[in-house]
Amino acid sequence: MLGQLRPEFPDVTISKIRFLETEGLVRPARTASGYRQFTPGDVARLRFVLSAQRDHYLPLKVIKEQLDAADRGEPEPSRPTLTCVPGAPEPADEPLRRITREELLERADIDAATLAELEQYGLVRPGAAGFYDTESAEVARTARALAAYGIEPRHLRAFRAAADREVGLLEQVLTPIVRQQGEEARRRADEAVRELTSLSVGLHTLLVKAGLREIPGR
């Protein structure tokens, strides 16, 4: 079973699989002597869970809700389902990698002047060697989608400041976990990063939605 998953998820371990089992995300059958028997369906389910965590930072609760819906007879998605506002970029599936300035401009479909504004307000930051990354391109694409509503890069400084404050808060929680040694500690650290990222993003979304509902005339 691990051999089928590790080409795509090299960090997966038996302890990780058992943790997902205790959380109810996979339910392998047991032999009379108690050994787990993973079917092709179980492996596909694990692949879905691991992909949802790695690529989309979905919390386990959300992943379980999607799988439970499939268990009730609804079509099980081949990839995690996410909701995007009209005009916003779709979530990227590719791993984070380094790209040039020209690649960023092309991927985000923006011009050099817009990129300069995004850099000015701290929304996009090149690395020490002058390269960007694919995540920066997604930020730029999202900023372009917001621009269609008249929201300019200068208006997004509040998002940058709020994100920095959230990172500072979460760093206080994560630092003691990350400093621990051993494979199990690394697994817990990775899990904590995914869960805290998902929870903070989810909370931010809920607060914004609640605030927008209070707009007079809606």
N, C-alpha and C. Protein backbone atom coordinates (compact mmCIF):
# COMPACT_ATOMS: atom_id res chain seq x y z
N MET A 1 0.83 -1.20 0.00
CA MET A 1 0.00 0.00 0.00
C MET A 1 0.86 1.25 0.00
N LEU A 2 1.87 1.29 0.88
CA LEU A 2 2.78 2.44 0.89
C LEU A 2 3.51 2.57 -0.45
N GLY A 3 3.84 1.44 -1.05
CA GLY A 3 4.54 1.46 -2.33
C GLY A 3 3.71 2.12 -3.41
N GLN A 4 2.39 2.03 -3.32
CA GLN A 4 1.52 2.66 -4.31
C GLN A 4 1.40 4.16 -4.08
N LEU A 5 1.57 4.60 -2.85
CA LEU A 5 1.38 6.01 -2.52
C LEU A 5 2.67 6.83 -2.56
N ARG A 6 3.80 6.20 -2.22
CA ARG A 6 5.03 6.96 -2.05
C ARG A 6 5.58 7.62 -3.32
N PRO A 7 5.35 7.07 -4.53
CA PRO A 7 5.82 7.80 -5.71
C PRO A 7 5.22 9.21 -5.80
N GLU A 8 3.98 9.36 -5.35
CA GLU A 8 3.32 10.66 -5.39
C GLU A 8 3.43 11.40 -4.07
N PHE A 9 3.51 10.65 -2.96
CA PHE A 9 3.57 11.25 -1.62
C PHE A 9 4.75 10.62 -0.87
N PRO A 10 5.97 11.07 -1.14
CA PRO A 10 7.16 10.41 -0.58
C PRO A 10 7.26 10.47 0.94
N ASP A 11 6.55 11.40 1.58
CA ASP A 11 6.65 11.54 3.04
C ASP A 11 5.62 10.70 3.79
N VAL A 12 4.75 9.99 3.08
CA VAL A 12 3.72 9.23 3.77
C VAL A 12 4.35 8.08 4.55
N THR A 13 3.81 7.83 5.74
CA THR A 13 4.32 6.78 6.61
C THR A 13 3.16 5.93 7.15
N ILE A 14 3.51 4.79 7.73
CA ILE A 14 2.50 3.95 8.37
C ILE A 14 1.79 4.72 9.48
N SER A 15 2.54 5.47 10.26
CA SER A 15 1.92 6.22 11.37
C SER A 15 0.95 7.26 10.84
N LYS A 16 1.27 7.86 9.70
CA LYS A 16 0.36 8.83 9.09
C LYS A 16 -0.94 8.14 8.66
N ILE A 17 -0.83 6.97 8.05
CA ILE A 17 -2.01 6.23 7.62
C ILE A 17 -2.86 5.83 8.81
N ARG A 18 -2.22 5.40 9.88
CA ARG A 18 -2.97 5.00 11.07
C ARG A 18 -3.66 6.20 11.71
N PHE A 19 -3.00 7.35 11.65
CA PHE A 19 -3.63 8.57 12.17
C PHE A 19 -4.89 8.89 11.37
N LEU A 20 -4.80 8.80 10.04
CA LEU A 20 -5.97 9.06 9.20
C LEU A 20 -7.08 8.04 9.47
N GLU A 21 -6.68 6.81 9.80
CA GLU A 21 -7.67 5.79 10.14
C GLU A 21 -8.38 6.14 11.44
N THR A 22 -7.64 6.59 12.43
CA THR A 22 -8.26 6.96 13.70
C THR A 22 -9.21 8.14 13.53
N GLU A 23 -8.95 9.00 12.53
CA GLU A 23 -9.81 10.15 12.28
C GLU A 23 -11.01 9.78 11.40
N GLY A 24 -11.09 8.52 10.98
CA GLY A 24 -12.24 8.06 10.22
C GLY A 24 -12.20 8.36 8.74
N LEU A 25 -11.01 8.72 8.21
CA LEU A 25 -10.90 9.06 6.80
C LEU A 25 -10.69 7.84 5.92
N VAL A 26 -10.24 6.75 6.50
CA VAL A 26 -10.10 5.50 5.77
C VAL A 26 -10.44 4.38 6.74
N ARG A 27 -11.14 3.35 6.23
CA ARG A 27 -11.59 2.27 7.11
C ARG A 27 -11.26 0.92 6.47
N PRO A 28 -10.00 0.51 6.54
CA PRO A 28 -9.63 -0.77 5.93
C PRO A 28 -10.26 -1.94 6.67
N ALA A 29 -10.51 -3.00 5.93
CA ALA A 29 -11.04 -4.22 6.54
C ALA A 29 -9.94 -4.89 7.36
N ARG A 30 -10.33 -5.75 8.26
CA ARG A 30 -9.38 -6.49 9.10
C ARG A 30 -9.54 -7.99 8.88
N THR A 31 -8.41 -8.67 8.90
CA THR A 31 -8.45 -10.13 8.84
C THR A 31 -8.83 -10.66 10.21
N ALA A 32 -9.03 -11.95 10.29
CA ALA A 32 -9.38 -12.57 11.58
C ALA A 32 -8.30 -12.35 12.62
N SER A 33 -7.05 -12.23 12.17
CA SER A 33 -5.94 -12.01 13.10
C SER A 33 -5.67 -10.53 13.35
N GLY A 34 -6.47 -9.66 12.74
CA GLY A 34 -6.36 -8.24 13.03
C GLY A 34 -5.53 -7.42 12.06
N TYR A 35 -5.01 -8.03 11.01
CA TYR A 35 -4.21 -7.28 10.03
C TYR A 35 -5.12 -6.44 9.13
N ARG A 36 -4.65 -5.27 8.80
CA ARG A 36 -5.40 -4.38 7.91
C ARG A 36 -5.30 -4.86 6.46
N GLN A 37 -6.41 -4.76 5.73
CA GLN A 37 -6.43 -5.10 4.32
C GLN A 37 -6.91 -3.88 3.53
N PHE A 38 -5.99 -3.27 2.79
CA PHE A 38 -6.32 -2.07 2.03
C PHE A 38 -6.71 -2.46 0.60
N THR A 39 -7.92 -2.13 0.22
CA THR A 39 -8.41 -2.40 -1.13
C THR A 39 -7.97 -1.27 -2.06
N PRO A 40 -8.09 -1.45 -3.39
CA PRO A 40 -7.82 -0.34 -4.32
C PRO A 40 -8.65 0.91 -3.99
N GLY A 41 -9.88 0.69 -3.52
CA GLY A 41 -10.71 1.83 -3.12
C GLY A 41 -10.13 2.57 -1.93
N ASP A 42 -9.57 1.83 -0.97
CA ASP A 42 -8.93 2.46 0.19
C ASP A 42 -7.73 3.29 -0.24
N VAL A 43 -6.95 2.75 -1.17
CA VAL A 43 -5.77 3.47 -1.65
C VAL A 43 -6.19 4.75 -2.38
N ALA A 44 -7.24 4.66 -3.19
CA ALA A 44 -7.74 5.85 -3.89
C ALA A 44 -8.24 6.89 -2.89
N ARG A 45 -8.87 6.42 -1.83
CA ARG A 45 -9.36 7.32 -0.79
C ARG A 45 -8.19 8.02 -0.09
N LEU A 46 -7.14 7.28 0.22
CA LEU A 46 -5.96 7.86 0.85
C LEU A 46 -5.29 8.87 -0.09
N ARG A 47 -5.25 8.53 -1.37
CA ARG A 47 -4.65 9.45 -2.34
C ARG A 47 -5.42 10.78 -2.37
N PHE A 48 -6.73 10.68 -2.30
CA PHE A 48 -7.58 11.87 -2.26
C PHE A 48 -7.28 12.71 -1.02
N VAL A 49 -7.20 12.06 0.14
CA VAL A 49 -6.94 12.77 1.40
C VAL A 49 -5.58 13.46 1.37
N LEU A 50 -4.56 12.73 0.97
CA LEU A 50 -3.20 13.27 0.96
C LEU A 50 -3.08 14.43 -0.03
N SER A 51 -3.74 14.30 -1.16
CA SER A 51 -3.73 15.37 -2.16
C SER A 51 -4.43 16.61 -1.63
N ALA A 52 -5.55 16.41 -0.96
CA ALA A 52 -6.31 17.54 -0.41
C ALA A 52 -5.49 18.30 0.63
N GLN A 53 -4.74 17.57 1.43
CA GLN A 53 -3.89 18.22 2.44
C GLN A 53 -2.70 18.93 1.81
N ARG A 54 -2.02 18.23 0.92
CA ARG A 54 -0.78 18.78 0.36
C ARG A 54 -1.03 19.94 -0.60
N ASP A 55 -2.01 19.80 -1.48
CA ASP A 55 -2.20 20.77 -2.54
C ASP A 55 -3.15 21.90 -2.19
N HIS A 56 -4.10 21.64 -1.27
CA HIS A 56 -5.13 22.63 -1.00
C HIS A 56 -5.24 23.01 0.48
N TYR A 57 -4.43 22.39 1.33
CA TYR A 57 -4.42 22.71 2.76
C TYR A 57 -5.81 22.59 3.39
N LEU A 58 -6.60 21.66 2.89
CA LEU A 58 -7.92 21.47 3.46
C LEU A 58 -7.80 20.79 4.83
N PRO A 59 -8.57 21.23 5.80
CA PRO A 59 -8.57 20.56 7.10
C PRO A 59 -9.21 19.19 6.99
N LEU A 60 -8.83 18.31 7.91
CA LEU A 60 -9.35 16.95 7.86
C LEU A 60 -10.87 16.91 7.97
N LYS A 61 -11.45 17.84 8.71
CA LYS A 61 -12.90 17.86 8.86
C LYS A 61 -13.58 18.05 7.51
N VAL A 62 -13.06 18.98 6.69
CA VAL A 62 -13.65 19.26 5.38
C VAL A 62 -13.46 18.06 4.46
N ILE A 63 -12.26 17.47 4.50
CA ILE A 63 -12.00 16.29 3.66
C ILE A 63 -12.96 15.17 4.03
N LYS A 64 -13.15 14.96 5.32
CA LYS A 64 -14.04 13.89 5.77
C LYS A 64 -15.48 14.17 5.32
N GLU A 65 -15.90 15.43 5.35
CA GLU A 65 -17.25 15.76 4.90
C GLU A 65 -17.44 15.41 3.42
N GLN A 66 -16.41 15.68 2.62
CA GLN A 66 -16.50 15.35 1.19
C GLN A 66 -16.58 13.83 0.99
N LEU A 67 -15.76 13.11 1.73
CA LEU A 67 -15.77 11.65 1.59
C LEU A 67 -17.06 11.04 2.13
N ASP A 68 -17.58 11.60 3.23
CA ASP A 68 -18.84 11.11 3.77
C ASP A 68 -19.98 11.33 2.78
N ALA A 69 -19.93 12.47 2.07
CA ALA A 69 -20.94 12.74 1.05
C ALA A 69 -20.88 11.68 -0.05
N ALA A 70 -19.66 11.31 -0.42
CA ALA A 70 -19.49 10.26 -1.43
C ALA A 70 -20.02 8.92 -0.91
N ASP A 71 -19.80 8.65 0.38
CA ASP A 71 -20.28 7.40 0.96
C ASP A 71 -21.81 7.34 0.97
N ARG A 72 -22.44 8.51 1.00
CA ARG A 72 -23.92 8.54 0.99
C ARG A 72 -24.49 8.39 -0.42
N GLY A 73 -23.62 8.21 -1.39
CA GLY A 73 -24.09 7.99 -2.75
C GLY A 73 -23.84 9.12 -3.70
N GLU A 74 -23.36 10.27 -3.20
CA GLU A 74 -23.02 11.37 -4.09
C GLU A 74 -21.72 11.04 -4.80
N PRO A 75 -21.53 11.49 -6.03
CA PRO A 75 -20.30 11.15 -6.76
C PRO A 75 -19.08 11.64 -6.00
N GLU A 76 -18.12 10.76 -5.80
CA GLU A 76 -16.89 11.13 -5.11
C GLU A 76 -15.98 11.88 -6.06
N PRO A 77 -15.54 13.11 -5.72
CA PRO A 77 -14.69 13.86 -6.62
C PRO A 77 -13.33 13.20 -6.78
N SER A 78 -12.76 13.32 -7.97
CA SER A 78 -11.43 12.77 -8.22
C SER A 78 -10.35 13.66 -7.64
N ARG A 79 -10.71 14.89 -7.27
CA ARG A 79 -9.79 15.82 -6.64
C ARG A 79 -10.58 16.65 -5.65
N PRO A 80 -9.95 17.25 -4.66
CA PRO A 80 -10.68 18.05 -3.68
C PRO A 80 -11.46 19.16 -4.35
N THR A 81 -12.68 19.42 -3.86
CA THR A 81 -13.50 20.47 -4.43
C THR A 81 -13.34 21.75 -3.64
N LEU A 82 -13.07 22.83 -4.33
CA LEU A 82 -12.93 24.13 -3.70
C LEU A 82 -13.85 25.11 -4.42
N THR A 83 -14.30 26.11 -3.72
CA THR A 83 -15.18 27.10 -4.31
C THR A 83 -14.41 28.38 -4.54
N CYS A 84 -14.49 28.92 -5.75
CA CYS A 84 -13.83 30.17 -6.09
C CYS A 84 -14.86 31.19 -6.50
N VAL A 85 -14.60 32.46 -6.22
CA VAL A 85 -15.49 33.51 -6.68
C VAL A 85 -15.30 33.68 -8.17
N PRO A 86 -16.34 34.15 -8.90
CA PRO A 86 -16.21 34.33 -10.34
C PRO A 86 -15.05 35.25 -10.67
N GLY A 87 -14.24 34.85 -11.64
CA GLY A 87 -13.13 35.68 -12.07
C GLY A 87 -11.85 35.43 -11.32
N ALA A 88 -11.93 34.74 -10.19
CA ALA A 88 -10.72 34.46 -9.43
C ALA A 88 -10.00 33.26 -10.03
N PRO A 89 -8.68 33.16 -9.85
CA PRO A 89 -7.94 32.04 -10.42
C PRO A 89 -8.28 30.74 -9.71
N GLU A 90 -8.24 29.65 -10.45
CA GLU A 90 -8.43 28.34 -9.85
C GLU A 90 -7.22 28.00 -8.99
N PRO A 91 -7.38 27.22 -7.91
CA PRO A 91 -6.24 26.83 -7.09
C PRO A 91 -5.23 26.06 -7.92
N ALA A 92 -3.97 26.30 -7.65
CA ALA A 92 -2.91 25.62 -8.40
C ALA A 92 -2.64 24.24 -7.82
N ASP A 93 -2.42 23.25 -8.70
CA ASP A 93 -2.13 21.89 -8.24
C ASP A 93 -0.63 21.62 -8.21
N GLU A 94 0.17 22.42 -8.90
CA GLU A 94 1.58 22.13 -9.04
C GLU A 94 2.35 22.47 -7.76
N PRO A 95 3.46 21.81 -7.51
CA PRO A 95 4.28 22.12 -6.35
C PRO A 95 4.88 23.52 -6.48
N LEU A 96 5.22 24.11 -5.34
CA LEU A 96 5.85 25.41 -5.34
C LEU A 96 7.21 25.32 -6.02
N ARG A 97 7.46 26.22 -6.98
CA ARG A 97 8.76 26.21 -7.65
C ARG A 97 9.15 27.63 -8.02
N ARG A 98 10.42 27.80 -8.34
CA ARG A 98 10.96 29.12 -8.66
C ARG A 98 10.66 29.48 -10.12
N ILE A 99 10.29 30.74 -10.37
CA ILE A 99 10.03 31.19 -11.73
C ILE A 99 10.68 32.57 -11.94
N THR A 100 10.88 32.93 -13.20
CA THR A 100 11.47 34.22 -13.53
C THR A 100 10.40 35.31 -13.53
N ARG A 101 10.87 36.54 -13.62
CA ARG A 101 9.96 37.69 -13.70
C ARG A 101 9.06 37.57 -14.93
N GLU A 102 9.64 37.17 -16.05
CA GLU A 102 8.87 37.05 -17.30
C GLU A 102 7.81 35.96 -17.16
N GLU A 103 8.15 34.86 -16.51
CA GLU A 103 7.17 33.79 -16.31
C GLU A 103 6.02 34.25 -15.43
N LEU A 104 6.34 35.01 -14.39
CA LEU A 104 5.29 35.51 -13.51
C LEU A 104 4.33 36.41 -14.27
N LEU A 105 4.88 37.32 -15.07
CA LEU A 105 4.03 38.23 -15.84
C LEU A 105 3.10 37.45 -16.77
N GLU A 106 3.63 36.41 -17.38
CA GLU A 106 2.82 35.62 -18.31
C GLU A 106 1.77 34.81 -17.58
N ARG A 107 2.16 34.15 -16.49
CA ARG A 107 1.23 33.30 -15.75
C ARG A 107 0.11 34.12 -15.12
N ALA A 108 0.45 35.28 -14.59
CA ALA A 108 -0.55 36.12 -13.92
C ALA A 108 -1.33 37.00 -14.89
N ASP A 109 -0.84 37.10 -16.13
CA ASP A 109 -1.47 37.93 -17.16
C ASP A 109 -1.55 39.38 -16.70
N ILE A 110 -0.43 39.90 -16.21
CA ILE A 110 -0.34 41.29 -15.79
C ILE A 110 0.83 41.95 -16.51
N ASP A 111 0.89 43.28 -16.46
CA ASP A 111 2.01 43.99 -17.06
C ASP A 111 3.03 44.38 -16.00
N ALA A 112 4.15 44.91 -16.46
CA ALA A 112 5.24 45.25 -15.54
C ALA A 112 4.83 46.32 -14.54
N ALA A 113 3.98 47.26 -14.96
CA ALA A 113 3.56 48.33 -14.06
C ALA A 113 2.73 47.77 -12.91
N THR A 114 1.86 46.80 -13.20
CA THR A 114 1.06 46.19 -12.14
C THR A 114 1.94 45.41 -11.18
N LEU A 115 2.92 44.69 -11.72
CA LEU A 115 3.85 43.95 -10.86
C LEU A 115 4.61 44.91 -9.95
N ALA A 116 5.02 46.04 -10.50
CA ALA A 116 5.74 47.04 -9.69
C ALA A 116 4.86 47.51 -8.53
N GLU A 117 3.57 47.70 -8.78
CA GLU A 117 2.65 48.12 -7.72
C GLU A 117 2.51 47.02 -6.66
N LEU A 118 2.39 45.78 -7.12
CA LEU A 118 2.26 44.67 -6.17
C LEU A 118 3.50 44.56 -5.29
N GLU A 119 4.66 44.80 -5.88
CA GLU A 119 5.90 44.78 -5.10
C GLU A 119 5.96 45.96 -4.14
N GLN A 120 5.51 47.11 -4.60
CA GLN A 120 5.54 48.32 -3.78
C GLN A 120 4.75 48.14 -2.49
N TYR A 121 3.63 47.44 -2.59
CA TYR A 121 2.77 47.28 -1.42
C TYR A 121 2.99 45.93 -0.72
N GLY A 122 4.07 45.24 -1.08
CA GLY A 122 4.47 44.04 -0.35
C GLY A 122 3.64 42.81 -0.62
N LEU A 123 2.86 42.80 -1.70
CA LEU A 123 2.02 41.64 -1.99
C LEU A 123 2.79 40.55 -2.71
N VAL A 124 3.79 40.94 -3.49
CA VAL A 124 4.66 40.01 -4.20
C VAL A 124 6.09 40.40 -3.90
N ARG A 125 6.91 39.42 -3.54
CA ARG A 125 8.29 39.71 -3.17
C ARG A 125 9.24 38.74 -3.85
N PRO A 126 10.17 39.24 -4.65
CA PRO A 126 11.16 38.33 -5.25
C PRO A 126 12.14 37.86 -4.20
N GLY A 127 12.75 36.69 -4.44
CA GLY A 127 13.76 36.18 -3.53
C GLY A 127 15.07 36.92 -3.68
N ALA A 128 16.06 36.49 -2.88
CA ALA A 128 17.36 37.15 -2.88
C ALA A 128 18.03 37.10 -4.25
N ALA A 129 17.78 36.03 -5.01
CA ALA A 129 18.40 35.89 -6.33
C ALA A 129 17.59 36.57 -7.42
N GLY A 130 16.49 37.22 -7.05
CA GLY A 130 15.68 37.92 -8.03
C GLY A 130 14.58 37.10 -8.65
N PHE A 131 14.45 35.84 -8.22
CA PHE A 131 13.39 34.98 -8.75
C PHE A 131 12.13 35.11 -7.90
N TYR A 132 11.01 34.71 -8.50
CA TYR A 132 9.73 34.65 -7.80
C TYR A 132 9.38 33.16 -7.62
N ASP A 133 8.18 32.89 -7.16
CA ASP A 133 7.73 31.49 -7.11
C ASP A 133 6.30 31.41 -7.64
N THR A 134 5.84 30.19 -7.85
CA THR A 134 4.52 30.00 -8.45
C THR A 134 3.40 30.52 -7.56
N GLU A 135 3.62 30.55 -6.26
CA GLU A 135 2.62 31.09 -5.35
C GLU A 135 2.48 32.60 -5.55
N SER A 136 3.60 33.28 -5.83
CA SER A 136 3.55 34.71 -6.11
C SER A 136 2.72 34.98 -7.35
N ALA A 137 2.82 34.10 -8.34
CA ALA A 137 2.02 34.25 -9.55
C ALA A 137 0.54 34.13 -9.24
N GLU A 138 0.17 33.24 -8.31
CA GLU A 138 -1.24 33.10 -7.93
C GLU A 138 -1.72 34.34 -7.20
N VAL A 139 -0.86 34.92 -6.36
CA VAL A 139 -1.22 36.17 -5.69
C VAL A 139 -1.48 37.26 -6.73
N ALA A 140 -0.60 37.36 -7.71
CA ALA A 140 -0.75 38.38 -8.75
C ALA A 140 -2.02 38.15 -9.57
N ARG A 141 -2.32 36.90 -9.87
CA ARG A 141 -3.54 36.59 -10.63
C ARG A 141 -4.79 36.97 -9.82
N THR A 142 -4.76 36.71 -8.52
CA THR A 142 -5.89 37.07 -7.67
C THR A 142 -6.05 38.59 -7.61
N ALA A 143 -4.93 39.30 -7.51
CA ALA A 143 -4.99 40.77 -7.50
C ALA A 143 -5.57 41.29 -8.81
N ARG A 144 -5.23 40.64 -9.92
CA ARG A 144 -5.79 41.05 -11.21
C ARG A 144 -7.30 40.84 -11.23
N ALA A 145 -7.78 39.71 -10.65
CA ALA A 145 -9.22 39.46 -10.59
C ALA A 145 -9.92 40.51 -9.74
N LEU A 146 -9.30 40.90 -8.63
CA LEU A 146 -9.90 41.94 -7.78
C LEU A 146 -9.92 43.30 -8.47
N ALA A 147 -8.94 43.54 -9.34
CA ALA A 147 -8.88 44.81 -10.05
C ALA A 147 -10.11 45.01 -10.93
N ALA A 148 -10.73 43.91 -11.36
CA ALA A 148 -11.94 44.02 -12.18
C ALA A 148 -13.08 44.67 -11.41
N TYR A 149 -12.99 44.65 -10.08
CA TYR A 149 -14.00 45.29 -9.23
C TYR A 149 -13.53 46.66 -8.73
N GLY A 150 -12.44 47.14 -9.28
CA GLY A 150 -11.93 48.45 -8.89
C GLY A 150 -11.04 48.44 -7.67
N ILE A 151 -10.65 47.24 -7.23
CA ILE A 151 -9.76 47.12 -6.06
C ILE A 151 -8.32 47.08 -6.56
N GLU A 152 -7.58 48.11 -6.28
CA GLU A 152 -6.22 48.26 -6.80
C GLU A 152 -5.21 47.70 -5.80
N PRO A 153 -3.96 47.47 -6.25
CA PRO A 153 -2.93 46.95 -5.33
C PRO A 153 -2.78 47.77 -4.06
N ARG A 154 -2.90 49.08 -4.15
CA ARG A 154 -2.74 49.92 -2.95
C ARG A 154 -3.83 49.62 -1.92
N HIS A 155 -4.98 49.14 -2.39
CA HIS A 155 -6.05 48.81 -1.46
C HIS A 155 -5.79 47.50 -0.73
N LEU A 156 -4.85 46.72 -1.24
CA LEU A 156 -4.61 45.38 -0.70
C LEU A 156 -3.56 45.37 0.42
N ARG A 157 -3.07 46.53 0.78
CA ARG A 157 -2.08 46.58 1.86
C ARG A 157 -2.64 45.99 3.16
N ALA A 158 -3.94 46.19 3.36
CA ALA A 158 -4.55 45.65 4.58
C ALA A 158 -4.49 44.13 4.61
N PHE A 159 -4.62 43.50 3.44
CA PHE A 159 -4.52 42.05 3.36
C PHE A 159 -3.10 41.60 3.74
N ARG A 160 -2.11 42.31 3.23
CA ARG A 160 -0.72 41.98 3.54
C ARG A 160 -0.44 42.12 5.03
N ALA A 161 -0.91 43.24 5.61
CA ALA A 161 -0.68 43.48 7.04
C ALA A 161 -1.39 42.43 7.89
N ALA A 162 -2.62 42.08 7.51
CA ALA A 162 -3.37 41.08 8.27
C ALA A 162 -2.69 39.72 8.17
N ALA A 163 -2.21 39.36 6.97
CA ALA A 163 -1.53 38.08 6.80
C ALA A 163 -0.27 38.02 7.65
N ASP A 164 0.49 39.11 7.69
CA ASP A 164 1.72 39.13 8.48
C ASP A 164 1.41 38.96 9.97
N ARG A 165 0.32 39.57 10.42
CA ARG A 165 -0.06 39.42 11.84
C ARG A 165 -0.47 37.97 12.13
N GLU A 166 -1.20 37.37 11.21
CA GLU A 166 -1.62 35.98 11.40
C GLU A 166 -0.42 35.05 11.42
N VAL A 167 0.53 35.28 10.51
CA VAL A 167 1.74 34.45 10.48
C VAL A 167 2.49 34.57 11.80
N GLY A 168 2.61 35.79 12.31
CA GLY A 168 3.30 35.99 13.57
C GLY A 168 2.64 35.23 14.71
N LEU A 169 1.31 35.24 14.73
CA LEU A 169 0.59 34.53 15.79
C LEU A 169 0.77 33.01 15.66
N LEU A 170 0.60 32.50 14.44
CA LEU A 170 0.71 31.06 14.23
C LEU A 170 2.14 30.57 14.43
N GLU A 171 3.10 31.43 14.13
CA GLU A 171 4.50 31.05 14.33
C GLU A 171 4.79 30.74 15.79
N GLN A 172 4.15 31.49 16.70
CA GLN A 172 4.35 31.24 18.12
C GLN A 172 3.87 29.83 18.50
N VAL A 173 2.81 29.38 17.84
CA VAL A 173 2.27 28.06 18.12
C VAL A 173 3.13 26.97 17.49
N LEU A 174 3.59 27.22 16.26
CA LEU A 174 4.28 26.19 15.49
C LEU A 174 5.74 26.00 15.87
N THR A 175 6.40 27.06 16.31
CA THR A 175 7.84 26.98 16.56
C THR A 175 8.22 25.86 17.52
N PRO A 176 7.55 25.70 18.67
CA PRO A 176 7.93 24.59 19.56
C PRO A 176 7.73 23.22 18.91
N ILE A 177 6.73 23.09 18.05
CA ILE A 177 6.46 21.81 17.39
C ILE A 177 7.53 21.52 16.34
N VAL A 178 7.86 22.53 15.54
CA VAL A 178 8.83 22.36 14.46
C VAL A 178 10.21 22.03 15.00
N ARG A 179 10.54 22.52 16.18
CA ARG A 179 11.87 22.29 16.75
C ARG A 179 12.07 20.87 17.27
N GLN A 180 11.00 20.13 17.42
CA GLN A 180 11.14 18.76 17.90
C GLN A 180 11.79 17.88 16.84
N GLN A 181 12.51 16.86 17.29
CA GLN A 181 13.24 15.97 16.39
C GLN A 181 12.49 14.66 16.18
N GLY A 182 12.77 13.99 15.08
CA GLY A 182 12.20 12.68 14.82
C GLY A 182 11.11 12.72 13.77
N GLU A 183 10.87 11.55 13.15
CA GLU A 183 9.90 11.46 12.06
C GLU A 183 8.49 11.76 12.53
N GLU A 184 8.13 11.25 13.69
CA GLU A 184 6.78 11.49 14.22
C GLU A 184 6.57 12.97 14.51
N ALA A 185 7.60 13.63 15.03
CA ALA A 185 7.51 15.07 15.31
C ALA A 185 7.34 15.86 14.02
N ARG A 186 8.06 15.46 12.98
CA ARG A 186 7.93 16.14 11.69
C ARG A 186 6.52 15.95 11.12
N ARG A 187 5.99 14.75 11.30
CA ARG A 187 4.63 14.51 10.82
C ARG A 187 3.63 15.40 11.54
N ARG A 188 3.79 15.51 12.87
CA ARG A 188 2.89 16.37 13.64
C ARG A 188 3.04 17.82 13.23
N ALA A 189 4.28 18.23 12.95
CA ALA A 189 4.51 19.61 12.53
C ALA A 189 3.84 19.89 11.19
N ASP A 190 3.99 18.97 10.23
CA ASP A 190 3.35 19.14 8.92
C ASP A 190 1.84 19.19 9.07
N GLU A 191 1.31 18.31 9.92
CA GLU A 191 -0.13 18.27 10.14
C GLU A 191 -0.61 19.57 10.76
N ALA A 192 0.16 20.09 11.71
CA ALA A 192 -0.23 21.33 12.37
C ALA A 192 -0.22 22.50 11.41
N VAL A 193 0.80 22.54 10.54
CA VAL A 193 0.88 23.62 9.55
C VAL A 193 -0.35 23.59 8.64
N ARG A 194 -0.71 22.40 8.15
CA ARG A 194 -1.87 22.29 7.26
C ARG A 194 -3.15 22.68 7.98
N GLU A 195 -3.33 22.18 9.19
CA GLU A 195 -4.56 22.45 9.90
C GLU A 195 -4.69 23.92 10.27
N LEU A 196 -3.60 24.52 10.77
CA LEU A 196 -3.66 25.93 11.15
C LEU A 196 -3.84 26.83 9.94
N THR A 197 -3.21 26.47 8.82
CA THR A 197 -3.41 27.25 7.59
C THR A 197 -4.88 27.19 7.17
N SER A 198 -5.44 26.00 7.17
CA SER A 198 -6.84 25.85 6.76
C SER A 198 -7.78 26.57 7.71
N LEU A 199 -7.53 26.43 9.00
CA LEU A 199 -8.42 27.06 9.97
C LEU A 199 -8.35 28.58 9.90
N SER A 200 -7.14 29.14 9.73
CA SER A 200 -7.02 30.59 9.67
C SER A 200 -7.65 31.15 8.40
N VAL A 201 -7.44 30.45 7.27
CA VAL A 201 -8.06 30.88 6.02
C VAL A 201 -9.59 30.76 6.13
N GLY A 202 -10.05 29.66 6.72
CA GLY A 202 -11.49 29.48 6.88
C GLY A 202 -12.12 30.54 7.77
N LEU A 203 -11.45 30.87 8.87
CA LEU A 203 -11.96 31.90 9.77
C LEU A 203 -12.02 33.25 9.07
N HIS A 204 -10.95 33.58 8.34
CA HIS A 204 -10.92 34.85 7.60
C HIS A 204 -12.10 34.92 6.62
N THR A 205 -12.34 33.83 5.89
CA THR A 205 -13.43 33.80 4.92
C THR A 205 -14.78 34.00 5.60
N LEU A 206 -14.98 33.31 6.72
CA LEU A 206 -16.25 33.42 7.44
C LEU A 206 -16.48 34.84 7.95
N LEU A 207 -15.44 35.47 8.47
CA LEU A 207 -15.58 36.82 8.99
C LEU A 207 -15.90 37.81 7.89
N VAL A 208 -15.24 37.66 6.73
CA VAL A 208 -15.52 38.56 5.61
C VAL A 208 -16.95 38.36 5.12
N LYS A 209 -17.38 37.08 4.99
CA LYS A 209 -18.74 36.81 4.53
C LYS A 209 -19.77 37.39 5.50
N ALA A 210 -19.50 37.23 6.79
CA ALA A 210 -20.44 37.78 7.80
C ALA A 210 -20.51 39.29 7.69
N GLY A 211 -19.35 39.92 7.49
CA GLY A 211 -19.34 41.36 7.35
C GLY A 211 -20.08 41.85 6.12
N LEU A 212 -19.91 41.15 5.01
CA LEU A 212 -20.56 41.55 3.76
C LEU A 212 -22.08 41.39 3.83
N ARG A 213 -22.53 40.44 4.65
CA ARG A 213 -23.98 40.26 4.79
C ARG A 213 -24.64 41.46 5.45
N GLU A 214 -23.85 42.25 6.17
CA GLU A 214 -24.39 43.40 6.89
C GLU A 214 -24.45 44.66 6.04
N ILE A 215 -24.02 44.56 4.78
CA ILE A 215 -24.07 45.73 3.90
C ILE A 215 -25.53 46.13 3.69
N PRO A 216 -25.90 47.36 3.94
CA PRO A 216 -27.29 47.80 3.77
C PRO A 216 -27.78 47.54 2.34
N GLY A 217 -29.00 47.01 2.25
CA GLY A 217 -29.59 46.77 0.94
C GLY A 217 -29.35 45.39 0.37
N ARG A 218 -28.53 44.61 1.06
CA ARG A 218 -28.29 43.25 0.53
C ARG A 218 -29.51 42.36 0.80
